[in-house]
Amino acid sequence: MKIIVKNRKLLVFIVLLISSAVSKGQIYKYIGLEDGLNNQKIYHIQKDRRGYMWFLTQEGVDRYDGKHIKHYTFSDDSMKLDSRIALNWLYMDQEDVLWVIGQKGRIFRYDSQHDKFELAYVHPELIRNKFQAFLDYGYLDKNDHIWLCYKDTITWYNIRTGTTQHMPKPVDGAISAIEQADGGHFFIGTGSGLFCVGIEKGELKQIPDEVVKSIVTPVHELYYHTVSKQLFVGSYKEGILIYDMGKTKKITPCYVPNNVEVNQIVALNADELLIATGGKGVYKLNVNTCKSEPYITADYSSYNGMNGNNINDIYVDEEERIWLANYPTGITIRNNRYGRYDLIKHSLGNNRSLVNDQVHDVIEDSDGDLWFATSNGISFYQTDTREWRSFFSSFDPVPDDENHIFLALCEV
């Protein structure tokens, strides 16, 4: 094996080397205020059929097309609303229409033809009480109903007909989570526990269930896995509780750190779920084994690593990208399609590392070893022993007037 090198004093280009020879990192991308995001506190993430990403932030709604961000404002009777009070929930319906629900009982619908959000409904009681009346929870089900949960009542707004129906709340406590099991059955989480309800003669009625009744811890998040017929209950004190409705009819605790808020539970694939926490990053849970493990956690020592553990929402798209609402950073994107990497950098004063960070050329020789042409000599990395050597660098005993810049390599 013989390596031929070329060296001339030319303009130096700096490159970051991503190598699949050693696997230690993961590729992340960040979207923050400097990229046009209107606020770094993101509540919810959605994606439409056109490929736009939608972010509900503390300052309103942002749309991201992969390069540019557009900010949307909201108004009621031509009066611009304070989005920090007005907007709290973001949903996409089955016909790819985006809906925003405000804490004051306003419902907005996105009009794609005119590229704006229009006011569709206003809860009359919440609007009359301008200061102290706020929704407990807003939810869009698979029956085309938006739920406005306020004190002892629930208002259904039909997104197809625009009609409303008011009914008494069938559970105790302020509603904090709703999950639909099928067309007529729902699980409702409150500060006092979990409840199962069904639709009877157009109204909600509690369904007796001793297993559900046994969960008395405050519920913060719910996810129903249709295939396995398991309900995943996220709580602050007890982590994740799994109600197996199909086989055992029992509750199984799943190890996720307790005393940590569970903010979101979404599917990663057919057999695994992702759990967003407020302080411990993202956990991955296997629905078959009911075992979980840390999956995405902050690594502040790594270049281009995960940059936070306070995750409000997760969205997994069809290209295997994981979009994270990461406070206080903004949006963090993890791309599982690309392999893991190791960032190779020069260790100051150590000639047993990459000799210089300004790399102009890289080749793999016939033995599978790597050669790097740099602005301070040539580095050789032996892949089987993981050892470094350098040649023609300032570390070597060569005349001071010798050129150390190498631009190209080839094997002959």
Protein backbone atom coordinates (compact mmCIF):
# COMPACT_ATOMS: atom_id res chain seq x y z
CA MET A 1 0.00 0.00 0.00
CA LYS A 2 1.32 3.44 -0.94
CA ILE A 3 -0.38 6.74 -0.22
CA ILE A 4 0.31 9.71 -2.48
CA VAL A 5 -0.32 13.16 -1.05
CA LYS A 6 -0.50 16.63 -2.57
CA ASN A 7 0.20 19.77 -0.58
CA ARG A 8 -0.07 23.43 -1.53
CA LYS A 9 -0.88 26.60 0.35
CA LEU A 10 -4.46 27.23 -0.67
CA LEU A 11 -7.66 28.49 0.93
CA VAL A 12 -8.54 26.23 3.85
CA PHE A 13 -12.05 24.78 4.09
CA ILE A 14 -13.31 23.53 7.46
CA VAL A 15 -15.41 20.38 7.48
CA LEU A 16 -17.05 18.35 10.19
CA LEU A 17 -16.38 14.66 9.79
CA ILE A 18 -19.23 12.25 10.39
CA SER A 19 -17.91 8.69 10.42
CA SER A 20 -19.82 5.43 10.57
CA ALA A 21 -16.67 3.58 11.67
CA VAL A 22 -17.28 4.46 15.32
CA SER A 23 -20.81 4.88 16.69
CA LYS A 24 -21.39 7.12 19.68
CA GLY A 25 -23.76 9.92 18.73
CA GLN A 26 -27.02 10.72 17.00
CA ILE A 27 -27.91 13.42 14.52
CA TYR A 28 -30.09 16.25 15.87
CA LYS A 29 -31.34 19.47 14.36
CA TYR A 30 -32.53 22.50 16.28
CA ILE A 31 -35.14 25.15 15.46
CA GLY A 32 -35.07 28.18 17.74
CA LEU A 33 -35.71 31.91 17.93
CA GLU A 34 -32.80 32.60 15.59
CA ASP A 35 -34.58 30.50 12.92
CA GLY A 36 -37.78 32.53 13.16
CA LEU A 37 -39.66 30.62 15.87
CA ASN A 38 -41.87 33.12 17.68
CA ASN A 39 -41.34 31.59 21.12
CA GLN A 40 -39.19 28.78 22.50
CA LYS A 41 -42.01 27.37 24.63
CA ILE A 42 -43.85 24.87 22.41
CA TYR A 43 -47.06 23.22 23.63
CA HIS A 44 -48.06 20.99 20.70
CA ILE A 45 -46.79 19.78 17.30
CA GLN A 46 -48.80 18.64 14.25
CA LYS A 47 -48.08 17.85 10.59
CA ASP A 48 -50.47 18.20 7.65
CA ARG A 49 -50.68 16.26 4.39
CA ARG A 50 -48.80 18.95 2.50
CA GLY A 51 -45.78 18.37 4.72
CA TYR A 52 -46.02 21.55 6.79
CA MET A 53 -45.12 21.28 10.47
CA TRP A 54 -47.31 23.28 12.86
CA PHE A 55 -46.15 24.44 16.29
CA LEU A 56 -48.45 25.85 18.95
CA THR A 57 -46.25 28.15 21.03
CA GLN A 58 -46.73 30.55 23.90
CA GLU A 59 -47.03 33.34 21.33
CA GLY A 60 -49.35 31.68 18.80
CA VAL A 61 -49.02 29.24 15.90
CA ASP A 62 -45.98 28.82 13.63
CA ARG A 63 -45.85 26.93 10.33
CA TYR A 64 -42.55 25.42 9.19
CA ASP A 65 -41.92 24.32 5.59
CA GLY A 66 -38.42 22.95 6.14
CA LYS A 67 -36.71 26.29 5.56
CA HIS A 68 -38.98 29.15 6.56
CA ILE A 69 -41.33 29.83 9.47
CA LYS A 70 -44.59 31.74 9.17
CA HIS A 71 -46.35 33.15 12.21
CA TYR A 72 -50.16 33.32 12.46
CA THR A 73 -52.22 35.71 14.57
CA PHE A 74 -55.73 35.19 15.96
CA SER A 75 -58.57 37.65 16.40
CA ASP A 76 -62.11 37.85 17.75
CA ASP A 77 -64.33 40.52 16.15
CA SER A 78 -61.23 42.09 14.56
CA MET A 79 -59.57 42.32 17.99
CA LYS A 80 -56.18 40.62 18.17
CA LEU A 81 -56.05 38.11 21.01
CA ASP A 82 -53.34 37.62 23.59
CA SER A 83 -52.15 34.19 22.47
CA ARG A 84 -50.58 33.42 25.85
CA ILE A 85 -54.12 33.25 27.23
CA ALA A 86 -56.09 32.34 24.12
CA LEU A 87 -54.38 29.23 22.71
CA ASN A 88 -53.76 25.94 24.48
CA TRP A 89 -54.55 22.87 22.33
CA LEU A 90 -53.74 21.96 18.72
CA TYR A 91 -55.44 19.10 16.84
CA MET A 92 -55.61 17.72 13.29
CA ASP A 93 -58.93 16.15 12.31
CA GLN A 94 -59.50 13.14 10.03
CA GLU A 95 -59.85 15.40 6.98
CA ASP A 96 -56.50 17.13 7.60
CA VAL A 97 -58.02 20.32 9.00
CA LEU A 98 -56.16 22.04 11.82
CA TRP A 99 -58.06 23.16 14.94
CA VAL A 100 -56.89 25.37 17.79
CA ILE A 101 -58.71 25.46 21.13
CA GLY A 102 -58.27 28.36 23.52
CA GLN A 103 -58.49 28.35 27.29
CA LYS A 104 -61.29 30.93 27.12
CA GLY A 105 -63.49 28.57 25.09
CA ARG A 106 -62.67 29.81 21.59
CA ILE A 107 -62.31 27.33 18.72
CA PHE A 108 -60.37 28.30 15.60
CA ARG A 109 -60.32 26.46 12.26
CA TYR A 110 -57.50 26.78 9.74
CA ASP A 111 -58.71 27.90 6.30
CA SER A 112 -56.08 26.57 3.87
CA GLN A 113 -57.59 28.40 0.90
CA HIS A 114 -57.09 31.81 2.51
CA ASP A 115 -54.15 30.73 4.71
CA LYS A 116 -55.59 32.00 7.99
CA PHE A 117 -57.33 30.86 11.16
CA GLU A 118 -61.01 31.67 11.48
CA LEU A 119 -63.05 31.81 14.67
CA ALA A 120 -65.54 28.91 14.56
CA TYR A 121 -67.10 28.96 18.03
CA VAL A 122 -67.03 30.85 21.32
CA HIS A 123 -68.16 29.32 24.62
CA PRO A 124 -70.72 31.88 25.86
CA GLU A 125 -70.20 31.38 29.60
CA LEU A 126 -66.41 31.68 29.47
CA ILE A 127 -66.52 34.81 27.35
CA ARG A 128 -68.95 36.53 29.74
CA ASN A 129 -66.58 35.93 32.65
CA LYS A 130 -63.52 37.69 31.27
CA PHE A 131 -61.07 37.11 34.10
CA GLN A 132 -61.56 33.93 36.15
CA ALA A 133 -63.24 31.45 33.80
CA PHE A 134 -60.97 29.04 31.91
CA LEU A 135 -61.36 25.62 30.33
CA ASP A 136 -60.02 22.65 32.24
CA TYR A 137 -59.36 20.72 29.04
CA GLY A 138 -59.95 20.76 25.27
CA TYR A 139 -60.09 17.61 23.14
CA LEU A 140 -60.95 16.49 19.59
CA ASP A 141 -62.35 12.95 19.32
CA LYS A 142 -62.78 10.60 16.34
CA ASN A 143 -66.51 11.35 16.20
CA ASP A 144 -65.85 14.92 15.00
CA HIS A 145 -66.60 16.44 18.40
CA ILE A 146 -64.47 19.03 20.14
CA TRP A 147 -64.84 18.74 23.91
CA LEU A 148 -64.82 21.94 25.95
CA CYS A 149 -64.54 20.84 29.59
CA TYR A 150 -65.45 23.58 32.03
CA LYS A 151 -66.27 23.09 35.72
CA ASP A 152 -69.27 20.71 35.92
CA THR A 153 -70.19 20.77 32.23
CA ILE A 154 -68.94 19.47 28.89
CA THR A 155 -69.78 21.16 25.60
CA TRP A 156 -69.55 19.16 22.39
CA TYR A 157 -68.89 21.20 19.26
CA ASN A 158 -69.51 19.26 16.03
CA ILE A 159 -66.78 20.34 13.60
CA ARG A 160 -68.82 19.22 10.55
CA THR A 161 -72.18 20.82 11.34
CA GLY A 162 -71.16 23.63 13.69
CA THR A 163 -73.81 22.57 16.22
CA THR A 164 -73.24 22.28 19.97
CA GLN A 165 -74.51 20.08 22.76
CA HIS A 166 -74.16 20.80 26.48
CA MET A 167 -74.20 18.08 29.12
CA PRO A 168 -73.24 17.57 32.76
CA LYS A 169 -69.75 16.27 33.43
CA PRO A 170 -70.06 12.58 34.42
CA VAL A 171 -66.88 12.42 36.55
CA ASP A 172 -65.44 14.03 39.66
CA GLY A 173 -62.58 16.51 39.57
CA ALA A 174 -61.13 18.79 36.91
CA ILE A 175 -60.55 16.91 33.65
CA SER A 176 -56.86 16.68 32.70
CA ALA A 177 -56.83 14.00 29.96
CA ILE A 178 -59.24 12.22 27.59
CA GLU A 179 -58.58 9.18 25.39
CA GLN A 180 -61.04 7.47 23.05
CA ALA A 181 -60.99 3.65 23.09
CA ASP A 182 -63.58 3.18 20.34
CA GLY A 183 -66.54 5.01 18.82
CA GLY A 184 -68.57 5.18 22.01
CA HIS A 185 -66.15 4.62 24.90
CA PHE A 186 -63.74 7.06 26.50
CA PHE A 187 -61.30 7.19 29.39
CA ILE A 188 -61.18 10.42 31.34
CA GLY A 189 -58.37 11.37 33.70
CA THR A 190 -58.82 13.89 36.49
CA GLY A 191 -57.01 15.07 39.58
CA SER A 192 -58.78 12.36 41.56
CA GLY A 193 -58.17 9.37 39.28
CA LEU A 194 -59.36 7.55 36.17
CA PHE A 195 -62.90 7.04 34.87
CA CYS A 196 -64.49 5.08 32.04
CA VAL A 197 -67.49 6.64 30.28
CA GLY A 198 -69.73 5.73 27.37
CA ILE A 199 -72.25 7.49 25.15
CA GLU A 200 -75.82 6.62 26.11
CA LYS A 201 -78.73 8.35 24.36
CA GLY A 202 -76.43 11.11 23.21
CA GLU A 203 -74.97 11.80 26.65
CA LEU A 204 -71.96 10.63 28.64
CA LYS A 205 -72.51 8.08 31.40
CA GLN A 206 -70.00 6.41 33.70
CA ILE A 207 -69.32 2.72 33.05
CA PRO A 208 -68.62 0.65 36.19
CA ASP A 209 -65.08 -0.77 36.08
CA GLU A 210 -63.39 -1.88 39.31
CA VAL A 211 -59.91 -1.88 37.76
CA VAL A 212 -60.31 1.68 36.51
CA LYS A 213 -61.77 2.67 39.86
CA SER A 214 -58.62 1.42 41.61
CA ILE A 215 -56.53 4.16 39.96
CA VAL A 216 -56.93 7.11 42.30
CA THR A 217 -53.69 8.97 41.55
CA PRO A 218 -53.95 12.24 39.59
CA VAL A 219 -53.84 11.44 35.87
CA HIS A 220 -51.94 13.69 33.50
CA GLU A 221 -51.80 11.77 30.18
CA LEU A 222 -53.58 8.82 28.51
CA TYR A 223 -52.80 6.62 25.49
CA TYR A 224 -54.84 3.66 24.23
CA HIS A 225 -52.98 1.02 22.20
CA THR A 226 -55.64 -0.44 19.93
CA VAL A 227 -53.89 -3.67 18.87
CA SER A 228 -52.94 -4.86 22.37
CA LYS A 229 -56.01 -3.27 24.02
CA GLN A 230 -53.85 -1.65 26.67
CA LEU A 231 -54.43 1.73 28.26
CA PHE A 232 -51.29 3.62 29.31
CA VAL A 233 -51.91 6.02 32.17
CA GLY A 234 -49.34 8.73 32.85
CA SER A 235 -49.21 10.11 36.37
CA TYR A 236 -46.84 12.26 38.38
CA LYS A 237 -46.53 10.08 41.47
CA GLU A 238 -46.57 6.59 39.95
CA GLY A 239 -45.06 7.04 36.49
CA ILE A 240 -46.84 4.87 33.90
CA LEU A 241 -49.63 2.45 34.84
CA ILE A 242 -50.73 -0.07 32.19
CA TYR A 243 -54.30 -1.38 32.18
CA ASP A 244 -54.43 -4.59 30.11
CA MET A 245 -58.04 -4.70 28.97
CA GLY A 246 -57.53 -7.57 26.53
CA LYS A 247 -55.74 -10.33 28.49
CA THR A 248 -55.04 -9.99 32.20
CA LYS A 249 -57.65 -7.33 33.08
CA LYS A 250 -55.10 -6.01 35.56
CA ILE A 251 -52.94 -2.96 36.21
CA THR A 252 -49.19 -3.31 35.66
CA PRO A 253 -46.79 -0.58 36.84
CA CYS A 254 -44.09 0.34 34.34
CA TYR A 255 -40.79 1.80 35.44
CA VAL A 256 -40.65 5.42 34.42
CA PRO A 257 -39.20 7.82 37.03
CA ASN A 258 -41.94 8.87 39.42
CA ASN A 259 -42.32 12.42 40.66
CA VAL A 260 -41.77 13.47 37.04
CA GLU A 261 -44.57 14.87 34.92
CA VAL A 262 -45.64 12.70 31.96
CA ASN A 263 -46.46 15.23 29.25
CA GLN A 264 -47.16 13.05 26.21
CA ILE A 265 -47.37 9.40 25.08
CA VAL A 266 -47.16 8.62 21.35
CA ALA A 267 -46.44 5.60 19.14
CA LEU A 268 -42.92 5.22 17.76
CA ASN A 269 -43.87 2.08 15.81
CA ALA A 270 -46.27 -0.88 16.15
CA ASP A 271 -44.59 -2.20 19.31
CA GLU A 272 -43.01 0.80 21.00
CA LEU A 273 -44.20 4.04 22.58
CA LEU A 274 -42.37 7.26 23.37
CA ILE A 275 -43.00 9.01 26.67
CA ALA A 276 -42.21 12.72 27.00
CA THR A 277 -41.37 13.84 30.52
CA GLY A 278 -40.87 17.17 32.19
CA GLY A 279 -37.27 16.77 33.30
CA LYS A 280 -36.08 13.28 32.33
CA GLY A 281 -36.18 13.49 28.54
CA VAL A 282 -37.90 10.79 26.48
CA TYR A 283 -38.42 7.15 27.49
CA LYS A 284 -39.13 4.27 25.12
CA LEU A 285 -41.68 1.66 26.24
CA ASN A 286 -42.25 -1.79 24.71
CA VAL A 287 -45.98 -2.58 24.69
CA ASN A 288 -45.33 -6.36 24.67
CA THR A 289 -42.92 -6.54 27.61
CA CYS A 290 -44.18 -3.41 29.41
CA LYS A 291 -40.55 -2.44 30.00
CA SER A 292 -39.18 1.04 29.42
CA GLU A 293 -35.75 2.61 29.12
CA PRO A 294 -34.27 6.10 28.67
CA TYR A 295 -34.23 6.84 24.94
CA ILE A 296 -33.50 10.52 24.33
CA THR A 297 -31.78 12.44 27.12
CA ALA A 298 -29.71 15.60 27.20
CA ASP A 299 -26.00 15.33 26.42
CA TYR A 300 -24.52 18.78 26.82
CA SER A 301 -20.95 17.54 26.40
CA SER A 302 -21.56 16.24 22.87
CA TYR A 303 -21.51 18.37 19.75
CA ASN A 304 -24.91 18.27 18.04
CA GLY A 305 -26.33 16.16 20.88
CA MET A 306 -29.72 16.28 22.57
CA ASN A 307 -30.08 19.70 24.17
CA GLY A 308 -32.76 19.37 26.86
CA ASN A 309 -34.87 17.09 29.05
CA ASN A 310 -38.06 19.11 29.47
CA ILE A 311 -40.23 17.74 26.64
CA ASN A 312 -43.81 19.00 26.23
CA ASP A 313 -44.82 17.11 23.08
CA ILE A 314 -43.57 14.53 20.55
CA TYR A 315 -44.49 14.02 16.90
CA VAL A 316 -43.15 11.05 14.89
CA ASP A 317 -43.50 11.61 11.13
CA GLU A 318 -43.56 9.14 8.24
CA GLU A 319 -39.84 9.71 7.56
CA GLU A 320 -38.89 8.40 11.02
CA ARG A 321 -38.05 11.85 12.32
CA ILE A 322 -38.91 12.58 15.94
CA TRP A 323 -39.98 16.18 16.55
CA LEU A 324 -39.63 17.28 20.17
CA ALA A 325 -41.15 20.35 21.84
CA ASN A 326 -38.07 21.00 23.95
CA TYR A 327 -38.29 23.79 26.53
CA PRO A 328 -36.52 26.22 26.69
CA THR A 329 -34.75 25.50 23.38
CA GLY A 330 -37.69 25.31 20.95
CA ILE A 331 -37.91 22.38 18.53
CA THR A 332 -35.37 19.54 18.47
CA ILE A 333 -35.49 17.00 15.63
CA ARG A 334 -33.95 13.54 15.84
CA ASN A 335 -33.58 11.71 12.53
CA ASN A 336 -33.58 7.93 12.98
CA ARG A 337 -33.04 7.30 9.27
CA TYR A 338 -29.39 8.23 9.45
CA GLY A 339 -26.75 6.22 11.23
CA ARG A 340 -25.09 7.22 14.43
CA TYR A 341 -21.82 9.10 14.35
CA ASP A 342 -18.68 10.02 16.25
CA LEU A 343 -17.35 13.54 15.96
CA ILE A 344 -13.57 13.30 15.55
CA LYS A 345 -11.65 16.31 16.85
CA HIS A 346 -8.05 17.19 17.62
CA SER A 347 -7.02 16.79 21.24
CA LEU A 348 -4.84 19.79 22.07
CA GLY A 349 -1.16 18.84 22.27
CA ASN A 350 -1.86 15.18 21.56
CA ASN A 351 -0.38 13.80 18.35
CA ARG A 352 -2.18 10.52 19.02
CA SER A 353 -5.45 12.08 17.91
CA LEU A 354 -6.66 13.73 14.71
CA VAL A 355 -3.73 16.05 14.14
CA ASN A 356 -5.81 19.05 13.01
CA ASP A 357 -9.53 19.92 12.80
CA GLN A 358 -9.20 21.42 9.30
CA VAL A 359 -9.71 18.32 7.16
CA HIS A 360 -9.40 18.59 3.35
CA ASP A 361 -9.59 14.97 2.23
CA VAL A 362 -10.38 11.53 3.66
CA ILE A 363 -9.79 8.10 2.12
CA GLU A 364 -10.25 4.53 3.27
CA ASP A 365 -7.39 2.30 2.11
CA SER A 366 -7.50 -1.34 1.04
CA ASP A 367 -6.90 -2.47 4.64
CA GLY A 368 -9.94 -0.58 5.89
CA ASP A 369 -7.89 2.09 7.65
CA LEU A 370 -8.56 5.83 7.36
CA TRP A 371 -6.25 8.62 6.18
CA PHE A 372 -6.93 12.34 6.74
CA ALA A 373 -5.27 15.21 4.86
CA THR A 374 -5.27 18.23 7.18
CA SER A 375 -3.77 21.69 7.53
CA ASN A 376 -1.16 20.24 9.87
CA GLY A 377 -0.01 17.03 8.29
CA ILE A 378 -1.61 13.65 7.69
CA SER A 379 -3.45 11.55 10.26
CA PHE A 380 -3.73 7.77 10.04
CA TYR A 381 -6.43 5.88 11.98
CA GLN A 382 -6.04 2.11 12.29
CA THR A 383 -9.59 0.83 12.65
CA ASP A 384 -8.84 -2.54 14.27
CA THR A 385 -6.67 -1.10 17.07
CA ARG A 386 -8.34 2.35 17.15
CA GLU A 387 -4.92 3.99 17.26
CA TRP A 388 -3.83 7.27 15.68
CA ARG A 389 -0.54 8.23 14.02
CA SER A 390 0.45 11.45 12.28
CA PHE A 391 2.97 12.33 9.57
CA PHE A 392 4.52 15.59 8.31
CA SER A 393 2.92 17.65 11.07
CA SER A 394 4.37 20.35 13.31
CA PHE A 395 4.79 17.63 15.93
CA ASP A 396 7.34 15.84 13.72
CA PRO A 397 11.03 16.81 13.46
CA VAL A 398 10.90 18.44 10.02
CA PRO A 399 12.40 21.74 8.86
CA ASP A 400 10.39 24.79 9.93
CA ASP A 401 9.93 25.92 6.34
CA GLU A 402 8.27 22.62 5.38
CA ASN A 403 4.63 22.93 4.33
CA HIS A 404 2.18 21.12 6.65
CA ILE A 405 -0.99 21.69 4.56
CA PHE A 406 -2.15 18.60 2.64
CA LEU A 407 -5.11 18.85 0.28
CA ALA A 408 -5.58 15.40 -1.28
CA LEU A 409 -4.79 11.71 -0.80
CA CYS A 410 -4.87 8.65 -3.05
CA GLU A 411 -3.83 5.01 -2.79
CA VAL A 412 -1.68 3.37 -5.48
